[in-house]
Protein backbone atom coordinates (compact mmCIF):
# COMPACT_ATOMS: atom_id res chain seq x y z
CA UNK A 1 66.56 -85.73 -13.10
CA UNK A 2 62.94 -86.94 -12.65
CA UNK A 3 59.89 -84.69 -12.61
CA UNK A 4 58.95 -85.52 -9.14
CA UNK A 5 62.28 -84.59 -7.92
CA UNK A 6 61.99 -80.73 -8.97
CA UNK A 7 58.38 -80.84 -7.75
CA UNK A 8 59.05 -81.62 -4.40
CA UNK A 9 58.78 -79.72 -1.10
CA UNK A 10 55.42 -77.91 -2.21
CA UNK A 11 54.60 -76.71 1.07
CA UNK A 12 57.78 -74.43 1.21
CA UNK A 13 56.99 -71.02 2.66
CA UNK A 14 59.02 -67.76 1.73
CA UNK A 15 61.62 -66.58 4.16
CA UNK A 16 62.27 -63.07 4.90
CA UNK A 17 65.53 -63.11 2.81
CA UNK A 18 63.50 -64.88 -0.37
CA UNK A 19 60.95 -61.98 -0.22
CA UNK A 20 63.70 -59.18 -0.17
CA UNK A 21 65.18 -60.71 -3.19
CA UNK A 22 62.14 -61.11 -5.19
CA UNK A 23 61.40 -57.56 -4.11
CA UNK A 24 64.91 -56.33 -5.00
CA UNK A 25 65.09 -57.95 -8.36
CA UNK A 26 61.49 -57.12 -9.32
CA UNK A 27 61.88 -53.35 -8.51
CA UNK A 28 65.30 -53.15 -9.92
CA UNK A 29 64.50 -54.77 -13.22
CA UNK A 30 61.23 -52.50 -13.41
CA UNK A 31 63.28 -49.31 -13.01
CA UNK A 32 66.03 -50.38 -15.48
CA UNK A 33 63.52 -51.29 -18.07
CA UNK A 34 61.17 -48.41 -17.39
CA UNK A 35 64.39 -46.44 -18.49
CA UNK A 36 65.05 -48.36 -21.46
CA UNK A 37 61.36 -48.20 -22.67
CA UNK A 38 60.78 -44.56 -22.27
CA UNK A 39 63.63 -44.23 -24.93
CA UNK A 40 62.09 -46.34 -27.13
CA UNK A 41 58.57 -44.76 -26.97
CA UNK A 42 60.27 -41.29 -27.39
CA UNK A 43 61.71 -42.73 -30.34
CA UNK A 44 58.41 -43.55 -31.89
CA UNK A 45 56.75 -40.24 -31.03
CA UNK A 46 59.30 -37.16 -30.91
CA UNK A 47 63.15 -38.16 -31.39
CA UNK A 48 63.01 -38.27 -35.13
CA UNK A 49 61.66 -34.43 -35.11
CA UNK A 50 63.91 -33.07 -32.25
CA UNK A 51 67.02 -34.97 -32.90
CA UNK A 52 67.28 -35.95 -36.54
CA UNK A 53 65.67 -32.74 -37.75
CA UNK A 54 67.92 -32.57 -41.37
CA UNK A 55 66.65 -36.09 -42.33
CA UNK A 56 63.18 -35.06 -41.32
CA UNK A 57 62.98 -32.17 -43.68
CA UNK A 58 63.63 -34.33 -46.66
CA UNK A 59 62.25 -37.71 -45.77
CA UNK A 60 60.32 -38.17 -42.60
CA UNK A 61 60.25 -41.83 -43.03
CA UNK A 62 64.00 -42.16 -43.10
CA UNK A 63 64.15 -39.88 -40.14
CA UNK A 64 61.95 -42.45 -38.12
CA UNK A 65 63.93 -45.23 -39.42
CA UNK A 66 67.04 -43.58 -37.84
CA UNK A 67 65.32 -43.00 -34.68
CA UNK A 68 64.39 -46.45 -34.44
CA UNK A 69 67.88 -47.36 -35.24
CA UNK A 70 69.33 -45.22 -32.35
CA UNK A 71 67.14 -47.54 -30.29
CA UNK A 72 68.74 -50.56 -31.61
CA UNK A 73 72.20 -49.30 -31.54
CA UNK A 74 72.40 -49.98 -27.58
CA UNK A 75 71.93 -53.41 -27.94
CA UNK A 76 75.28 -53.88 -29.81
CA UNK A 77 76.97 -52.73 -26.82
CA UNK A 78 75.03 -55.16 -24.60
CA UNK A 79 77.63 -58.07 -24.97
CA UNK A 80 80.34 -56.03 -23.85
CA UNK A 81 78.41 -55.03 -21.02
CA UNK A 82 77.56 -58.50 -20.44
CA UNK A 83 81.27 -59.25 -20.42
CA UNK A 84 82.23 -56.70 -17.92
CA UNK A 85 79.16 -57.45 -15.67
CA UNK A 86 80.23 -61.17 -15.96
CA UNK A 87 83.74 -60.64 -14.99
CA UNK A 88 82.70 -58.72 -11.92
CA UNK A 89 79.57 -60.79 -11.13
CA UNK A 90 81.68 -64.27 -11.40
CA UNK A 91 84.25 -62.85 -9.15
CA UNK A 92 82.65 -60.33 -6.75
CA UNK A 93 79.16 -61.09 -6.69
CA UNK A 94 75.65 -60.76 -8.34
CA UNK A 95 74.73 -57.67 -5.84
CA UNK A 96 77.55 -55.36 -6.79
CA UNK A 97 76.86 -55.75 -10.55
CA UNK A 98 73.03 -54.79 -9.94
CA UNK A 99 73.83 -51.64 -8.06
CA UNK A 100 76.53 -50.54 -10.68
CA UNK A 101 74.18 -51.20 -13.69
CA UNK A 102 71.16 -49.51 -11.73
CA UNK A 103 73.23 -46.50 -11.48
CA UNK A 104 74.44 -46.30 -14.90
CA UNK A 105 71.17 -46.68 -16.64
CA UNK A 106 69.39 -44.26 -14.41
CA UNK A 107 72.18 -41.71 -14.84
CA UNK A 108 71.91 -41.89 -18.60
CA UNK A 109 68.40 -41.81 -18.57
CA UNK A 110 68.30 -38.45 -16.57
CA UNK A 111 70.73 -37.09 -18.86
CA UNK A 112 68.79 -37.81 -22.11
CA UNK A 113 65.97 -35.98 -20.09
CA UNK A 114 68.33 -32.67 -19.94
CA UNK A 115 69.83 -32.89 -23.54
CA UNK A 116 69.52 -30.02 -25.67
CA UNK A 117 67.87 -30.74 -29.19
CA UNK A 118 69.31 -30.58 -32.70
CA UNK A 119 67.85 -27.09 -33.05
CA UNK A 120 69.88 -25.84 -30.07
CA UNK A 121 73.12 -27.74 -30.20
CA UNK A 122 73.14 -28.86 -34.02
CA UNK A 123 74.78 -32.02 -34.68
CA UNK A 124 76.35 -32.19 -31.18
CA UNK A 125 72.77 -33.12 -30.07
CA UNK A 126 72.26 -36.47 -31.65
CA UNK A 127 76.05 -37.47 -31.03
CA UNK A 128 75.43 -37.02 -27.53
CA UNK A 129 71.94 -38.83 -27.44
CA UNK A 130 73.59 -41.71 -29.25
CA UNK A 131 76.51 -41.93 -26.54
CA UNK A 132 73.93 -41.82 -23.49
CA UNK A 133 72.16 -44.68 -25.35
CA UNK A 134 75.33 -46.75 -25.63
CA UNK A 135 75.76 -46.30 -22.01
CA UNK A 136 72.09 -47.70 -21.30
CA UNK A 137 73.03 -50.64 -23.46
CA UNK A 138 76.09 -51.25 -21.33
CA UNK A 139 74.10 -51.19 -18.11
CA UNK A 140 71.31 -53.27 -19.59
CA UNK A 141 73.87 -55.99 -20.76
CA UNK A 142 74.82 -56.67 -17.18
CA UNK A 143 71.44 -55.87 -15.40
CA UNK A 144 69.43 -58.98 -16.33
CA UNK A 145 71.95 -61.77 -15.71
CA UNK A 146 72.54 -60.38 -12.18
CA UNK A 147 68.85 -59.96 -11.45
CA UNK A 148 67.90 -63.55 -12.83
CA UNK A 149 70.56 -65.27 -11.11
CA UNK A 150 69.89 -63.42 -7.68
CA UNK A 151 66.22 -64.56 -7.79
CA UNK A 152 67.00 -68.27 -9.29
CA UNK A 153 69.94 -69.26 -6.86
CA UNK A 154 67.83 -68.11 -3.87
CA UNK A 155 65.15 -70.22 -4.94
CA UNK A 156 63.99 -73.88 -3.84
CA UNK A 157 64.33 -76.10 -6.90
CA UNK A 158 60.50 -76.72 -7.31
CA UNK A 159 60.12 -72.64 -7.43
CA UNK A 160 62.91 -71.75 -9.77
CA UNK A 161 60.62 -70.70 -12.38
CA UNK A 162 58.45 -68.84 -10.24
CA UNK A 163 61.28 -66.98 -8.66
CA UNK A 164 63.11 -66.38 -12.12
CA UNK A 165 59.81 -64.85 -13.39
CA UNK A 166 60.17 -61.96 -10.92
CA UNK A 167 62.73 -60.33 -12.74
CA UNK A 168 61.17 -61.25 -15.98
CA UNK A 169 57.84 -59.37 -14.99
CA UNK A 170 59.84 -56.10 -14.30
CA UNK A 171 59.92 -55.75 -18.36
CA UNK A 172 56.14 -55.36 -18.55
CA UNK A 173 55.64 -53.50 -15.49
CA UNK A 174 58.53 -51.05 -16.85
CA UNK A 175 56.47 -50.73 -19.88
CA UNK A 176 53.31 -50.20 -18.32
CA UNK A 177 55.38 -47.53 -15.84
CA UNK A 178 56.58 -45.92 -18.98
CA UNK A 179 53.40 -46.16 -21.22
CA UNK A 180 51.36 -44.81 -18.11
CA UNK A 181 53.76 -41.68 -17.78
CA UNK A 182 53.56 -40.88 -21.70
CA UNK A 183 49.73 -41.27 -21.50
CA UNK A 184 49.46 -38.96 -18.64
CA UNK A 185 51.71 -36.29 -20.04
CA UNK A 186 50.15 -36.72 -23.61
CA UNK A 187 46.75 -36.10 -21.97
CA UNK A 188 47.85 -33.14 -19.82
CA UNK A 189 49.67 -31.23 -22.53
CA UNK A 190 49.31 -29.90 -26.00
CA UNK A 191 51.19 -31.21 -28.64
CA UNK A 192 53.52 -28.14 -28.77
CA UNK A 193 53.94 -28.38 -24.99
CA UNK A 194 54.68 -32.29 -25.26
CA UNK A 195 57.40 -31.64 -27.95
CA UNK A 196 58.92 -28.93 -25.90
CA UNK A 197 59.08 -30.42 -22.60
CA UNK A 198 56.59 -32.77 -21.75
CA UNK A 199 58.32 -35.86 -23.34
CA UNK A 200 61.33 -34.92 -20.87
CA UNK A 201 59.37 -35.41 -17.59
CA UNK A 202 59.63 -39.44 -17.63
CA UNK A 203 63.28 -39.21 -18.22
CA UNK A 204 64.04 -36.83 -15.25
CA UNK A 205 61.57 -38.93 -13.03
CA UNK A 206 64.22 -41.74 -13.23
CA UNK A 207 66.08 -39.90 -10.69
CA UNK A 208 63.48 -40.62 -8.07
CA UNK A 209 63.50 -44.23 -9.19
CA UNK A 210 67.19 -44.91 -8.87
CA UNK A 211 67.19 -43.73 -5.30
CA UNK A 212 64.38 -46.28 -4.51
CA UNK A 213 66.00 -48.95 -6.33
CA UNK A 214 69.38 -48.44 -4.76
CA UNK A 215 68.02 -48.64 -1.30
CA UNK A 216 66.19 -51.71 -1.84
CA UNK A 217 69.01 -53.49 -3.60
CA UNK A 218 71.20 -52.79 -0.89
CA UNK A 219 69.33 -54.71 1.60
CA UNK A 220 69.59 -57.79 -0.57
CA UNK A 221 72.08 -60.64 0.47
CA UNK A 222 74.57 -61.95 -2.00
CA UNK A 223 73.44 -65.24 -3.83
CA UNK A 224 74.06 -68.22 -1.86
CA UNK A 225 75.40 -70.23 -4.80
CA UNK A 226 77.94 -67.53 -5.32
CA UNK A 227 78.83 -67.50 -1.59
CA UNK A 228 79.24 -70.97 -1.68
CA UNK A 229 81.16 -71.13 -4.83
CA UNK A 230 83.47 -68.56 -3.09
CA UNK A 231 83.82 -70.75 -0.23
CA UNK A 232 84.90 -73.75 -2.17
CA UNK A 233 87.31 -71.39 -4.08
CA UNK A 234 85.97 -72.70 -7.53
CA UNK A 235 86.31 -69.11 -8.80
CA UNK A 236 87.57 -69.46 -12.49
CA UNK A 237 90.72 -67.61 -13.48
CA UNK A 238 89.20 -67.01 -17.09
CA UNK A 239 85.42 -67.48 -17.08
CA UNK A 240 85.07 -65.70 -20.49
CA UNK A 241 87.42 -67.95 -22.08
CA UNK A 242 85.78 -71.05 -20.63
CA UNK A 243 82.57 -70.00 -21.78
CA UNK A 244 83.42 -69.65 -25.63
CA UNK A 245 85.72 -72.74 -25.52
CA UNK A 246 83.78 -75.28 -23.61
CA UNK A 247 80.39 -73.75 -23.47
CA UNK A 248 79.79 -72.02 -26.63
CA UNK A 249 76.83 -74.52 -27.83
CA UNK A 250 74.72 -73.43 -24.70
CA UNK A 251 75.54 -69.76 -25.19
CA UNK A 252 74.69 -69.82 -28.84
CA UNK A 253 71.23 -71.77 -27.87
CA UNK A 254 70.84 -69.18 -25.32
CA UNK A 255 70.84 -66.25 -27.72
CA UNK A 256 68.77 -68.00 -30.06
CA UNK A 257 66.05 -68.97 -27.86
CA UNK A 258 65.54 -65.11 -26.76
CA UNK A 259 65.76 -63.63 -30.12
CA UNK A 260 62.20 -63.89 -31.11
CA UNK A 261 60.72 -63.20 -28.00
CA UNK A 262 63.03 -59.82 -27.87
CA UNK A 263 61.72 -58.82 -31.32
CA UNK A 264 58.17 -59.39 -30.69
CA UNK A 265 58.53 -57.83 -27.21
CA UNK A 266 59.86 -54.59 -28.84
CA UNK A 267 57.00 -54.19 -31.25
CA UNK A 268 54.67 -54.44 -28.45
CA UNK A 269 56.90 -52.01 -26.39
CA UNK A 270 56.98 -49.14 -29.15
CA UNK A 271 56.37 -49.93 -32.66
CA UNK A 272 52.78 -50.77 -32.62
CA UNK A 273 51.74 -47.39 -30.85
CA UNK A 274 54.00 -45.58 -33.21
CA UNK A 275 52.38 -47.69 -36.26
CA UNK A 276 48.80 -46.60 -34.92
CA UNK A 277 49.78 -43.00 -34.81
CA UNK A 278 51.96 -42.65 -37.99
CA UNK A 279 50.64 -45.07 -40.35
CA UNK A 280 47.08 -45.59 -39.39
CA UNK A 281 46.53 -42.21 -38.16
CA UNK A 282 44.99 -43.24 -34.67
CA UNK A 283 45.06 -41.03 -31.91
CA UNK A 284 47.91 -41.26 -29.62
CA UNK A 285 46.24 -41.61 -26.44
CA UNK A 286 44.43 -44.83 -28.20
CA UNK A 287 47.61 -46.53 -28.93
CA UNK A 288 48.88 -45.60 -25.60
CA UNK A 289 45.63 -47.33 -23.94
CA UNK A 290 46.30 -50.40 -26.21
CA UNK A 291 49.84 -50.64 -25.19
CA UNK A 292 48.87 -50.46 -21.30
CA UNK A 293 46.20 -53.23 -22.11
CA UNK A 294 49.38 -55.23 -23.78
CA UNK A 295 51.67 -54.66 -20.81
CA UNK A 296 48.98 -56.05 -18.38
CA UNK A 297 48.47 -59.13 -20.45
CA UNK A 298 52.50 -59.61 -20.66
CA UNK A 299 52.45 -59.41 -16.86
CA UNK A 300 49.91 -62.05 -16.32
CA UNK A 301 51.38 -64.38 -18.91
CA UNK A 302 55.09 -64.02 -17.96
CA UNK A 303 54.41 -64.79 -14.25
CA UNK A 304 52.07 -67.63 -15.32
CA UNK A 305 54.82 -68.92 -17.74
CA UNK A 306 57.17 -69.03 -14.82
CA UNK A 307 55.10 -70.64 -12.38
CA UNK A 308 53.71 -73.46 -15.16
CA UNK A 309 57.12 -74.04 -16.21
CA UNK A 310 57.92 -75.65 -12.74
CA UNK A 311 55.10 -78.27 -13.40
CA UNK A 312 55.19 -79.03 -17.05
CA UNK A 313 58.64 -78.26 -17.85
CA UNK A 314 60.67 -75.27 -18.99
CA UNK A 315 61.27 -76.32 -22.49
CA UNK A 316 57.63 -77.31 -22.95
CA UNK A 317 56.35 -73.94 -21.70
CA UNK A 318 58.81 -72.16 -23.91
CA UNK A 319 57.46 -74.15 -26.90
CA UNK A 320 54.02 -73.56 -26.24
CA UNK A 321 54.96 -69.71 -26.13
CA UNK A 322 56.62 -69.68 -29.55
CA UNK A 323 53.81 -71.74 -30.75
CA UNK A 324 51.28 -69.28 -30.10
CA UNK A 325 53.57 -66.46 -31.48
CA UNK A 326 54.09 -68.23 -34.76
CA UNK A 327 50.43 -68.76 -35.40
CA UNK A 328 49.14 -65.35 -34.38
CA UNK A 329 52.23 -63.39 -35.93
CA UNK A 330 50.53 -62.54 -39.14
CA UNK A 331 46.61 -63.00 -38.63
CA UNK A 332 47.19 -60.00 -36.02
CA UNK A 333 48.08 -57.26 -38.44
CA UNK A 334 44.59 -57.65 -39.79
CA UNK A 335 43.24 -56.54 -36.55
CA UNK A 336 45.62 -53.94 -36.05
CA UNK A 337 44.99 -52.21 -39.53
CA UNK A 338 41.44 -51.96 -38.50
CA UNK A 339 42.66 -48.74 -36.48
CA UNK A 340 39.66 -49.59 -34.01
CA UNK A 341 41.35 -49.33 -30.48
CA UNK A 342 39.36 -52.52 -29.22
CA UNK A 343 40.45 -54.61 -32.11
CA UNK A 344 44.06 -52.96 -32.08
CA UNK A 345 44.27 -53.82 -28.31
CA UNK A 346 42.92 -57.34 -28.71
CA UNK A 347 45.70 -58.08 -31.42
CA UNK A 348 48.51 -56.90 -28.99
CA UNK A 349 46.92 -58.65 -25.95
CA UNK A 350 46.67 -62.12 -27.95
CA UNK A 351 50.46 -61.67 -28.81
CA UNK A 352 51.31 -61.44 -24.93
CA UNK A 353 49.71 -64.99 -24.53
CA UNK A 354 52.77 -66.23 -26.40
CA UNK A 355 55.24 -63.74 -25.19
CA UNK A 356 54.75 -64.70 -21.41
CA UNK A 357 55.46 -68.30 -21.70
CA UNK A 358 58.29 -67.68 -23.93
CA UNK A 359 59.77 -65.19 -21.52
CA UNK A 360 58.75 -65.87 -17.89
CA UNK A 361 60.89 -69.21 -17.60
CA UNK A 362 63.99 -67.69 -19.23
CA UNK A 363 65.88 -66.98 -16.04
CA UNK A 364 65.44 -70.55 -14.65
CA UNK A 365 66.20 -72.14 -18.03
CA UNK A 366 69.48 -70.18 -18.49
CA UNK A 367 70.55 -70.78 -14.80
CA UNK A 368 70.27 -74.47 -15.30
CA UNK A 369 72.22 -74.24 -18.64
CA UNK A 370 75.68 -73.16 -17.05
CA UNK A 371 77.86 -74.20 -14.01
CA UNK A 372 78.08 -71.73 -11.13
CA UNK A 373 81.80 -70.24 -12.02
CA UNK A 374 80.56 -68.95 -15.33
CA UNK A 375 76.91 -68.61 -15.09
CA UNK A 376 76.83 -64.97 -14.82
CA UNK A 377 79.00 -64.45 -17.97
CA UNK A 378 76.99 -67.39 -19.63
CA UNK A 379 73.23 -66.06 -19.44
CA UNK A 380 74.21 -62.28 -19.68
CA UNK A 381 76.11 -63.05 -22.84
CA UNK A 382 73.60 -65.30 -24.09
CA UNK A 383 70.76 -63.00 -23.43
CA UNK A 384 72.75 -59.55 -24.78
CA UNK A 385 73.63 -61.76 -28.17
CA UNK A 386 69.83 -62.74 -28.38
CA UNK A 387 68.88 -59.30 -28.04
CA UNK A 388 71.15 -58.18 -30.83
CA UNK A 389 69.85 -60.63 -32.94
CA UNK A 390 66.02 -60.17 -32.17
CA UNK A 391 65.20 -56.91 -30.59
CA UNK A 392 67.96 -54.55 -31.65
CA UNK A 393 66.69 -53.61 -34.98
CA UNK A 394 63.18 -55.34 -34.87
CA UNK A 395 61.32 -51.84 -35.04
CA UNK A 396 63.88 -50.67 -37.72
CA UNK A 397 63.33 -53.70 -39.90
CA UNK A 398 59.39 -53.47 -39.44
CA UNK A 399 59.58 -50.01 -40.51
CA UNK A 400 61.64 -50.84 -43.40
CA UNK A 401 59.36 -53.72 -44.23
CA UNK A 402 56.43 -51.30 -44.33
CA UNK A 403 58.23 -48.66 -46.17
CA UNK A 404 59.51 -50.84 -48.80
CA UNK A 405 56.35 -53.06 -49.45
CA UNK A 406 53.44 -51.17 -47.59
CA UNK A 407 52.26 -54.59 -46.60
CA UNK A 408 52.13 -54.96 -42.70
CA UNK A 409 51.44 -58.71 -42.44
CA UNK A 410 55.07 -59.05 -44.02
CA UNK A 411 56.18 -58.03 -40.69
CA UNK A 412 54.27 -60.86 -39.05
CA UNK A 413 56.18 -62.90 -41.49
CA UNK A 414 59.42 -61.88 -40.32
CA UNK A 415 58.39 -62.54 -36.27
CA UNK A 416 57.07 -65.79 -37.15
CA UNK A 417 60.25 -67.07 -38.80
CA UNK A 418 62.17 -65.92 -35.89
CA UNK A 419 59.91 -67.39 -33.50
CA UNK A 420 60.45 -70.84 -35.35
CA UNK A 421 64.39 -70.56 -35.30
CA UNK A 422 63.90 -69.93 -31.43
CA UNK A 423 61.30 -72.93 -31.15
CA UNK A 424 63.98 -75.20 -32.58
CA UNK A 425 66.65 -73.66 -30.33
CA UNK A 426 64.84 -74.30 -26.99
CA UNK A 427 63.89 -77.81 -28.20
CA UNK A 428 67.65 -78.66 -28.10
CA UNK A 429 68.00 -78.06 -24.49
CA UNK A 430 68.11 -81.29 -22.45
CA UNK A 431 64.93 -81.26 -20.35
CA UNK A 432 66.69 -83.19 -17.74
CA UNK A 433 68.82 -80.25 -16.86
CA UNK A 434 65.51 -79.10 -14.93
CA UNK A 435 65.77 -79.14 -11.12
CA UNK A 436 69.54 -80.17 -11.05
CA UNK A 437 71.71 -78.94 -8.11
CA UNK A 438 73.03 -75.59 -9.21
CA UNK A 439 76.36 -76.08 -7.06
CA UNK A 440 77.01 -79.54 -8.48
CA UNK A 441 78.61 -79.49 -11.63
CA UNK A 442 78.96 -83.09 -11.92
CA UNK A 443 75.27 -83.58 -11.92
CA UNK A 444 75.14 -81.23 -14.99
CA UNK A 445 78.15 -82.77 -16.73
CA UNK A 446 76.05 -85.93 -16.45
CA UNK A 447 73.14 -84.63 -18.11
CA UNK A 448 75.15 -82.86 -20.91
CA UNK A 449 77.33 -85.80 -21.71
CA UNK A 450 74.47 -88.15 -21.83
CA UNK A 451 72.54 -85.76 -24.21
CA UNK A 452 75.62 -85.06 -26.31
CA UNK A 453 75.38 -81.34 -25.24
CA UNK A 454 78.19 -79.13 -24.09
């Protein structure tokens, strides 16, 4: 597939349905990731004290590690969520999955906001907290694949990267919404009030967001590729079996491609703010301001990454992003450790320059890697496995490295090694997959055969 082929039709104007799709995927993923991220931020600030109290009495550092681990546990259930969502999405449509996952994620979030603490319910409190976190993981495992494919499969060939970036920017927007909420509450409450009830408000507010997202997603039509696939009766009787037997290489590559971005992203989402407060002694408001600046950078460069991938290629865009992360992963800690707000924020912002190009084109890249009948399963499971390898315990590993060695730059080394692995993985994806007909499996087969990949 030549470069000129997938850059044709530059004059395409967005149709009403395409605008609805972009709005539906953007709003939905923003709400889903808002739900996911307020938990991560609460884990950095209050959960160790409120739900893992016995550990904190003897070892505050251990309690914080366990709180970070509770963030990672949900990632272990993402593949199961992806399998279930893939089964439904490949048979009954992308739209149905998006509605189900939105309700599951939002419902769990509201219940966390109502959950009594360890002081009230004892050991039952952390058990229920982890259970609700698992439900969030199941929902997140199915959310991304549906939103990504709905956007990409509605896109013209020459704008798949840009369209696919819309569900991606839901991540930094969700982070901005969550962080902004935490910042406002922290500014308006005393420390005691924040611990008693203030941290619950963002969780309870999710109920309003669920209603908004539900109404918007109901108005979005089903993916045209899925509709055509159903009309041609190409539905697979066992997409998961086919995925693991004939497309395992691409599934594995998809996981490795995402791993480093997810790991570095979770440092931006929650760890840096907690590190600034708990280790460097910074004011919580200052670290939240730095996180907000990072979120703005992540939003800008993710959208730009999707846009530029339609012009210079998705593989090259990923390589640029991961190259920046590899180079910056260690030096950024020397700026962070100054505990100066301007330098702390600058370190995070520069990191997002690499995060954006290695995340924005992901939806389009993954969609072009798998045939239509197993595409939902392929992209969802690859994404879920990558989140386990990368982000699931990134904060836990970072905290453990810090507690064990006392050297923050070693956390950067860990991220740089992961980014190198992801760089190599994306380099193994055939560039000729870009711009192929998403309905024509023979075109994909020709590319994968000539490149020696399946």
